[in-house]
């Protein structure tokens, strides 16, 4: 799993995955999308982000979940 727009660095945001070159966690982007915030509003709230960064956050999460052993129960 290689994601050029997402980085994990223990010295940035406690090692949470962030959009490369920012301190914006992937989690923040995903939570906003999940809450119904539009991509346009996310970009307005975080001017350093691009639409490609939002897509990268979604892709990162999908790849992460694809590697998990999920138990439904």
PDB file of N, CA and C in Angstrom:
ATOM      1  N   UNK A   1       0.839  -1.169   0.000  1.00  0.00           N
ATOM      2  CA  UNK A   1       0.000   0.000   0.000  1.00  0.00           C
ATOM      3  C   UNK A   1       0.892   1.242   0.000  1.00  0.00           C
ATOM      4  N   UNK A   2       0.983   1.920  -1.109  1.00  0.00           N
ATOM      5  CA  UNK A   2       1.773   3.148  -1.157  1.00  0.00           C
ATOM      6  C   UNK A   2       0.859   4.292  -1.545  1.00  0.00           C
ATOM      7  N   UNK A   3       0.888   5.315  -0.732  1.00  0.00           N
ATOM      8  CA  UNK A   3       0.053   6.491  -0.968  1.00  0.00           C
ATOM      9  C   UNK A   3       0.952   7.718  -0.928  1.00  0.00           C
ATOM     10  N   UNK A   4       1.157   8.322  -2.075  1.00  0.00           N
ATOM     11  CA  UNK A   4       2.092   9.441  -2.155  1.00  0.00           C
ATOM     12  C   UNK A   4       1.569  10.704  -1.487  1.00  0.00           C
ATOM     13  N   UNK A   5       0.273  10.836  -1.338  1.00  0.00           N
ATOM     14  CA  UNK A   5      -0.291  12.043  -0.737  1.00  0.00           C
ATOM     15  C   UNK A   5      -0.551  11.894   0.756  1.00  0.00           C
ATOM     16  N   UNK A   6      -0.323  10.705   1.295  1.00  0.00           N
ATOM     17  CA  UNK A   6      -0.543  10.456   2.721  1.00  0.00           C
ATOM     18  C   UNK A   6       0.778  10.034   3.340  1.00  0.00           C
ATOM     19  N   UNK A   7       1.067  10.602   4.509  1.00  0.00           N
ATOM     20  CA  UNK A   7       2.295  10.206   5.203  1.00  0.00           C
ATOM     21  C   UNK A   7       1.997   9.899   6.653  1.00  0.00           C
ATOM     22  N   UNK A   8       2.831   9.031   7.204  1.00  0.00           N
ATOM     23  CA  UNK A   8       2.765   8.687   8.620  1.00  0.00           C
ATOM     24  C   UNK A   8       4.150   8.951   9.189  1.00  0.00           C
ATOM     25  N   UNK A   9       4.203   9.905  10.107  1.00  0.00           N
ATOM     26  CA  UNK A   9       5.463  10.308  10.718  1.00  0.00           C
ATOM     27  C   UNK A   9       5.206  10.441  12.219  1.00  0.00           C
ATOM     28  N   UNK A  10       5.929   9.681  13.047  1.00  0.00           N
ATOM     29  CA  UNK A  10       5.680   9.732  14.484  1.00  0.00           C
ATOM     30  C   UNK A  10       5.828  11.131  15.085  1.00  0.00           C
ATOM     31  N   UNK A  11       6.502  12.026  14.384  1.00  0.00           N
ATOM     32  CA  UNK A  11       6.706  13.379  14.905  1.00  0.00           C
ATOM     33  C   UNK A  11       5.641  14.368  14.438  1.00  0.00           C
ATOM     34  N   UNK A  12       4.701  13.887  13.626  1.00  0.00           N
ATOM     35  CA  UNK A  12       3.624  14.748  13.136  1.00  0.00           C
ATOM     36  C   UNK A  12       2.290  14.157  13.586  1.00  0.00           C
ATOM     37  N   UNK A  13       1.541  14.912  14.349  1.00  0.00           N
ATOM     38  CA  UNK A  13       0.220  14.507  14.828  1.00  0.00           C
ATOM     39  C   UNK A  13       0.243  13.137  15.506  1.00  0.00           C
ATOM     40  N   UNK A  14       1.305  12.866  16.229  1.00  0.00           N
ATOM     41  CA  UNK A  14       1.401  11.617  16.980  1.00  0.00           C
ATOM     42  C   UNK A  14       1.445  10.371  16.122  1.00  0.00           C
ATOM     43  N   UNK A  15       1.833  10.526  14.860  1.00  0.00           N
ATOM     44  CA  UNK A  15       1.948   9.377  13.973  1.00  0.00           C
ATOM     45  C   UNK A  15       0.674   9.030  13.220  1.00  0.00           C
ATOM     46  N   UNK A  16      -0.374   9.850  13.391  1.00  0.00           N
ATOM     47  CA  UNK A  16      -1.602   9.605  12.623  1.00  0.00           C
ATOM     48  C   UNK A  16      -1.321   9.860  11.146  1.00  0.00           C
ATOM     49  N   UNK A  17      -2.004   9.155  10.259  1.00  0.00           N
ATOM     50  CA  UNK A  17      -1.862   9.454   8.834  1.00  0.00           C
ATOM     51  C   UNK A  17      -2.377  10.870   8.545  1.00  0.00           C
ATOM     52  N   UNK A  18      -1.560  11.647   7.860  1.00  0.00           N
ATOM     53  CA  UNK A  18      -1.924  13.017   7.500  1.00  0.00           C
ATOM     54  C   UNK A  18      -1.723  13.214   6.007  1.00  0.00           C
ATOM     55  N   UNK A  19      -2.349  14.242   5.483  1.00  0.00           N
ATOM     56  CA  UNK A  19      -2.101  14.618   4.100  1.00  0.00           C
ATOM     57  C   UNK A  19      -0.688  15.185   4.048  1.00  0.00           C
ATOM     58  N   UNK A  20       0.122  14.644   3.157  1.00  0.00           N
ATOM     59  CA  UNK A  20       1.538  15.012   3.055  1.00  0.00           C
ATOM     60  C   UNK A  20       1.714  16.525   2.988  1.00  0.00           C
ATOM     61  N   UNK A  21       2.665  17.011   3.771  1.00  0.00           N
ATOM     62  CA  UNK A  21       2.991  18.433   3.780  1.00  0.00           C
ATOM     63  C   UNK A  21       2.049  19.276   4.613  1.00  0.00           C
ATOM     64  N   UNK A  22       1.114  18.626   5.320  1.00  0.00           N
ATOM     65  CA  UNK A  22       0.188  19.347   6.188  1.00  0.00           C
ATOM     66  C   UNK A  22       0.144  18.640   7.539  1.00  0.00           C
ATOM     67  N   UNK A  23      -0.623  19.200   8.431  1.00  0.00           N
ATOM     68  CA  UNK A  23      -0.909  18.546   9.705  1.00  0.00           C
ATOM     69  C   UNK A  23      -2.393  18.165   9.759  1.00  0.00           C
ATOM     70  N   UNK A  24      -2.974  17.960   8.574  1.00  0.00           N
ATOM     71  CA  UNK A  24      -4.385  17.623   8.484  1.00  0.00           C
ATOM     72  C   UNK A  24      -4.525  16.105   8.449  1.00  0.00           C
ATOM     73  N   UNK A  25      -5.083  15.528   9.515  1.00  0.00           N
ATOM     74  CA  UNK A  25      -5.231  14.070   9.546  1.00  0.00           C
ATOM     75  C   UNK A  25      -6.218  13.563   8.500  1.00  0.00           C
ATOM     76  N   UNK A  26      -5.917  12.407   7.960  1.00  0.00           N
ATOM     77  CA  UNK A  26      -6.840  11.726   7.052  1.00  0.00           C
ATOM     78  C   UNK A  26      -8.187  11.569   7.757  1.00  0.00           C
ATOM     79  N   UNK A  27      -8.159  11.258   9.021  1.00  0.00           N
ATOM     80  CA  UNK A  27      -9.381  11.078   9.804  1.00  0.00           C
ATOM     81  C   UNK A  27     -10.278  12.309   9.736  1.00  0.00           C
ATOM     82  N   UNK A  28      -9.697  13.487   9.823  1.00  0.00           N
ATOM     83  CA  UNK A  28     -10.481  14.724   9.764  1.00  0.00           C
ATOM     84  C   UNK A  28     -11.221  14.836   8.441  1.00  0.00           C
ATOM     85  N   UNK A  29     -10.533  14.555   7.359  1.00  0.00           N
ATOM     86  CA  UNK A  29     -11.148  14.624   6.036  1.00  0.00           C
ATOM     87  C   UNK A  29     -12.295  13.618   5.944  1.00  0.00           C
ATOM     88  N   UNK A  30     -12.052  12.398   6.395  1.00  0.00           N
ATOM     89  CA  UNK A  30     -13.065  11.350   6.310  1.00  0.00           C
ATOM     90  C   UNK A  30     -14.268  11.640   7.198  1.00  0.00           C
ATOM     91  N   UNK A  31     -14.027  12.149   8.386  1.00  0.00           N
ATOM     92  CA  UNK A  31     -15.146  12.473   9.282  1.00  0.00           C
ATOM     93  C   UNK A  31     -16.012  13.580   8.697  1.00  0.00           C
ATOM     94  N   UNK A  32     -15.379  14.564   8.088  1.00  0.00           N
ATOM     95  CA  UNK A  32     -16.151  15.637   7.455  1.00  0.00           C
ATOM     96  C   UNK A  32     -16.994  15.092   6.303  1.00  0.00           C
ATOM     97  N   UNK A  33     -16.396  14.257   5.479  1.00  0.00           N
ATOM     98  CA  UNK A  33     -17.162  13.659   4.384  1.00  0.00           C
ATOM     99  C   UNK A  33     -18.319  12.839   4.931  1.00  0.00           C
ATOM    100  N   UNK A  34     -18.055  12.065   5.967  1.00  0.00           N
ATOM    101  CA  UNK A  34     -19.085  11.229   6.572  1.00  0.00           C
ATOM    102  C   UNK A  34     -20.209  12.031   7.204  1.00  0.00           C
ATOM    103  N   UNK A  35     -19.902  13.248   7.635  1.00  0.00           N
ATOM    104  CA  UNK A  35     -20.909  14.125   8.237  1.00  0.00           C
ATOM    105  C   UNK A  35     -21.696  14.892   7.179  1.00  0.00           C
ATOM    106  N   UNK A  36     -21.349  14.665   5.921  1.00  0.00           N
ATOM    107  CA  UNK A  36     -22.077  15.324   4.848  1.00  0.00           C
ATOM    108  C   UNK A  36     -21.504  16.650   4.406  1.00  0.00           C
ATOM    109  N   UNK A  37     -20.316  16.983   4.897  1.00  0.00           N
ATOM    110  CA  UNK A  37     -19.675  18.223   4.466  1.00  0.00           C
ATOM    111  C   UNK A  37     -19.222  18.031   3.020  1.00  0.00           C
ATOM    112  N   UNK A  38     -19.506  19.006   2.185  1.00  0.00           N
ATOM    113  CA  UNK A  38     -19.152  18.888   0.769  1.00  0.00           C
ATOM    114  C   UNK A  38     -17.639  19.007   0.583  1.00  0.00           C
ATOM    115  N   UNK A  39     -17.178  18.442  -0.510  1.00  0.00           N
ATOM    116  CA  UNK A  39     -15.756  18.574  -0.852  1.00  0.00           C
ATOM    117  C   UNK A  39     -15.380  20.039  -0.973  1.00  0.00           C
ATOM    118  N   UNK A  40     -16.259  20.829  -1.565  1.00  0.00           N
ATOM    119  CA  UNK A  40     -15.999  22.265  -1.731  1.00  0.00           C
ATOM    120  C   UNK A  40     -15.805  22.943  -0.376  1.00  0.00           C
ATOM    121  N   UNK A  41     -16.644  22.588   0.599  1.00  0.00           N
ATOM    122  CA  UNK A  41     -16.520  23.192   1.924  1.00  0.00           C
ATOM    123  C   UNK A  41     -15.237  22.738   2.620  1.00  0.00           C
ATOM    124  N   UNK A  42     -14.878  21.469   2.456  1.00  0.00           N
ATOM    125  CA  UNK A  42     -13.614  20.981   3.038  1.00  0.00           C
ATOM    126  C   UNK A  42     -12.446  21.773   2.454  1.00  0.00           C
ATOM    127  N   UNK A  43     -12.462  21.985   1.161  1.00  0.00           N
ATOM    128  CA  UNK A  43     -11.389  22.753   0.521  1.00  0.00           C
ATOM    129  C   UNK A  43     -11.379  24.198   1.010  1.00  0.00           C
ATOM    130  N   UNK A  44     -12.555  24.759   1.262  1.00  0.00           N
ATOM    131  CA  UNK A  44     -12.615  26.121   1.810  1.00  0.00           C
ATOM    132  C   UNK A  44     -12.092  26.168   3.237  1.00  0.00           C
ATOM    133  N   UNK A  45     -12.409  25.127   4.019  1.00  0.00           N
ATOM    134  CA  UNK A  45     -11.956  25.067   5.412  1.00  0.00           C
ATOM    135  C   UNK A  45     -10.457  24.827   5.523  1.00  0.00           C
ATOM    136  N   UNK A  46      -9.903  24.120   4.546  1.00  0.00           N
ATOM    137  CA  UNK A  46      -8.482  23.749   4.560  1.00  0.00           C
ATOM    138  C   UNK A  46      -7.862  24.126   3.206  1.00  0.00           C
ATOM    139  N   UNK A  47      -7.503  25.387   3.032  1.00  0.00           N
ATOM    140  CA  UNK A  47      -7.044  25.867   1.722  1.00  0.00           C
ATOM    141  C   UNK A  47      -5.817  25.152   1.162  1.00  0.00           C
ATOM    142  N   UNK A  48      -5.055  24.478   2.000  1.00  0.00           N
ATOM    143  CA  UNK A  48      -3.872  23.767   1.496  1.00  0.00           C
ATOM    144  C   UNK A  48      -4.237  22.442   0.839  1.00  0.00           C
ATOM    145  N   UNK A  49      -5.462  21.963   1.059  1.00  0.00           N
ATOM    146  CA  UNK A  49      -5.887  20.702   0.463  1.00  0.00           C
ATOM    147  C   UNK A  49      -6.322  20.899  -0.983  1.00  0.00           C
ATOM    148  N   UNK A  50      -6.230  19.805  -1.719  1.00  0.00           N
ATOM    149  CA  UNK A  50      -6.739  19.766  -3.089  1.00  0.00           C
ATOM    150  C   UNK A  50      -7.767  18.645  -3.176  1.00  0.00           C
ATOM    151  N   UNK A  51      -8.507  18.623  -4.244  1.00  0.00           N
ATOM    152  CA  UNK A  51      -9.471  17.539  -4.442  1.00  0.00           C
ATOM    153  C   UNK A  51      -8.753  16.192  -4.500  1.00  0.00           C
ATOM    154  N   UNK A  52      -7.537  16.195  -5.032  1.00  0.00           N
ATOM    155  CA  UNK A  52      -6.742  14.961  -5.084  1.00  0.00           C
ATOM    156  C   UNK A  52      -6.386  14.474  -3.677  1.00  0.00           C
ATOM    157  N   UNK A  53      -6.179  15.411  -2.745  1.00  0.00           N
ATOM    158  CA  UNK A  53      -5.893  15.029  -1.359  1.00  0.00           C
ATOM    159  C   UNK A  53      -7.109  14.350  -0.720  1.00  0.00           C
ATOM    160  N   UNK A  54      -8.286  14.868  -1.016  1.00  0.00           N
ATOM    161  CA  UNK A  54      -9.512  14.257  -0.487  1.00  0.00           C
ATOM    162  C   UNK A  54      -9.663  12.842  -1.035  1.00  0.00           C
ATOM    163  N   UNK A  55      -9.433  12.676  -2.314  1.00  0.00           N
ATOM    164  CA  UNK A  55      -9.508  11.346  -2.938  1.00  0.00           C
ATOM    165  C   UNK A  55      -8.457  10.412  -2.337  1.00  0.00           C
ATOM    166  N   UNK A  56      -7.271  10.951  -2.068  1.00  0.00           N
ATOM    167  CA  UNK A  56      -6.205  10.139  -1.481  1.00  0.00           C
ATOM    168  C   UNK A  56      -6.585   9.669  -0.080  1.00  0.00           C
ATOM    169  N   UNK A  57      -7.248  10.521   0.692  1.00  0.00           N
ATOM    170  CA  UNK A  57      -7.697  10.124   2.028  1.00  0.00           C
ATOM    171  C   UNK A  57      -8.688   8.977   1.933  1.00  0.00           C
ATOM    172  N   UNK A  58      -9.608   9.063   0.983  1.00  0.00           N
ATOM    173  CA  UNK A  58     -10.585   7.989   0.800  1.00  0.00           C
ATOM    174  C   UNK A  58      -9.906   6.698   0.356  1.00  0.00           C
ATOM    175  N   UNK A  59      -8.981   6.813  -0.556  1.00  0.00           N
ATOM    176  CA  UNK A  59      -8.265   5.645  -1.057  1.00  0.00           C
ATOM    177  C   UNK A  59      -7.437   4.989   0.052  1.00  0.00           C
ATOM    178  N   UNK A  60      -6.775   5.814   0.847  1.00  0.00           N
ATOM    179  CA  UNK A  60      -5.982   5.308   1.961  1.00  0.00           C
ATOM    180  C   UNK A  60      -6.868   4.513   2.917  1.00  0.00           C
ATOM    181  N   UNK A  61      -8.020   5.062   3.262  1.00  0.00           N
ATOM    182  CA  UNK A  61      -8.927   4.383   4.193  1.00  0.00           C
ATOM    183  C   UNK A  61      -9.429   3.072   3.602  1.00  0.00           C
ATOM    184  N   UNK A  62      -9.766   3.070   2.327  1.00  0.00           N
ATOM    185  CA  UNK A  62     -10.253   1.841   1.687  1.00  0.00           C
ATOM    186  C   UNK A  62      -9.170   0.768   1.693  1.00  0.00           C
ATOM    187  N   UNK A  63      -7.939   1.159   1.374  1.00  0.00           N
ATOM    188  CA  UNK A  63      -6.839   0.191   1.376  1.00  0.00           C
ATOM    189  C   UNK A  63      -6.559  -0.315   2.785  1.00  0.00           C
ATOM    190  N   UNK A  64      -6.630   0.568   3.764  1.00  0.00           N
ATOM    191  CA  UNK A  64      -6.403   0.176   5.148  1.00  0.00           C
ATOM    192  C   UNK A  64      -7.450  -0.857   5.578  1.00  0.00           C
ATOM    193  N   UNK A  65      -8.710  -0.585   5.269  1.00  0.00           N
ATOM    194  CA  UNK A  65      -9.779  -1.508   5.647  1.00  0.00           C
ATOM    195  C   UNK A  65      -9.693  -2.823   4.892  1.00  0.00           C
ATOM    196  N   UNK A  66      -9.229  -2.781   3.668  1.00  0.00           N
ATOM    197  CA  UNK A  66      -9.107  -4.006   2.877  1.00  0.00           C
ATOM    198  C   UNK A  66      -8.109  -4.972   3.499  1.00  0.00           C
ATOM    199  N   UNK A  67      -7.161  -4.444   4.271  1.00  0.00           N
ATOM    200  CA  UNK A  67      -6.147  -5.282   4.906  1.00  0.00           C
ATOM    201  C   UNK A  67      -6.534  -5.721   6.308  1.00  0.00           C
ATOM    202  N   UNK A  68      -7.689  -5.278   6.800  1.00  0.00           N
ATOM    203  CA  UNK A  68      -8.127  -5.598   8.153  1.00  0.00           C
ATOM    204  C   UNK A  68      -8.945  -6.888   8.148  1.00  0.00           C
ATOM    205  N   UNK A  69      -8.861  -7.618   9.222  1.00  0.00           N
ATOM    206  CA  UNK A  69      -9.744  -8.762   9.434  1.00  0.00           C
ATOM    207  C   UNK A  69     -10.926  -8.254  10.252  1.00  0.00           C
ATOM    208  N   UNK A  70     -12.050  -8.044   9.576  1.00  0.00           N
ATOM    209  CA  UNK A  70     -13.216  -7.505  10.241  1.00  0.00           C
ATOM    210  C   UNK A  70     -14.095  -8.624  10.751  1.00  0.00           C
ATOM    211  N   UNK A  71     -14.610  -8.437  11.944  1.00  0.00           N
ATOM    212  CA  UNK A  71     -15.534  -9.389  12.540  1.00  0.00           C
ATOM    213  C   UNK A  71     -16.838  -8.656  12.775  1.00  0.00           C
ATOM    214  N   UNK A  72     -17.909  -9.166  12.195  1.00  0.00           N
ATOM    215  CA  UNK A  72     -19.221  -8.556  12.389  1.00  0.00           C
ATOM    216  C   UNK A  72     -19.997  -9.415  13.358  1.00  0.00           C
ATOM    217  N   UNK A  73     -20.643  -8.740  14.291  1.00  0.00           N
ATOM    218  CA  UNK A  73     -21.254  -9.556  15.170  1.00  0.00           C
ATOM    219  C   UNK A  73     -22.340  -9.543  15.985  1.00  0.00           C
TER     220      UNK A  73
END
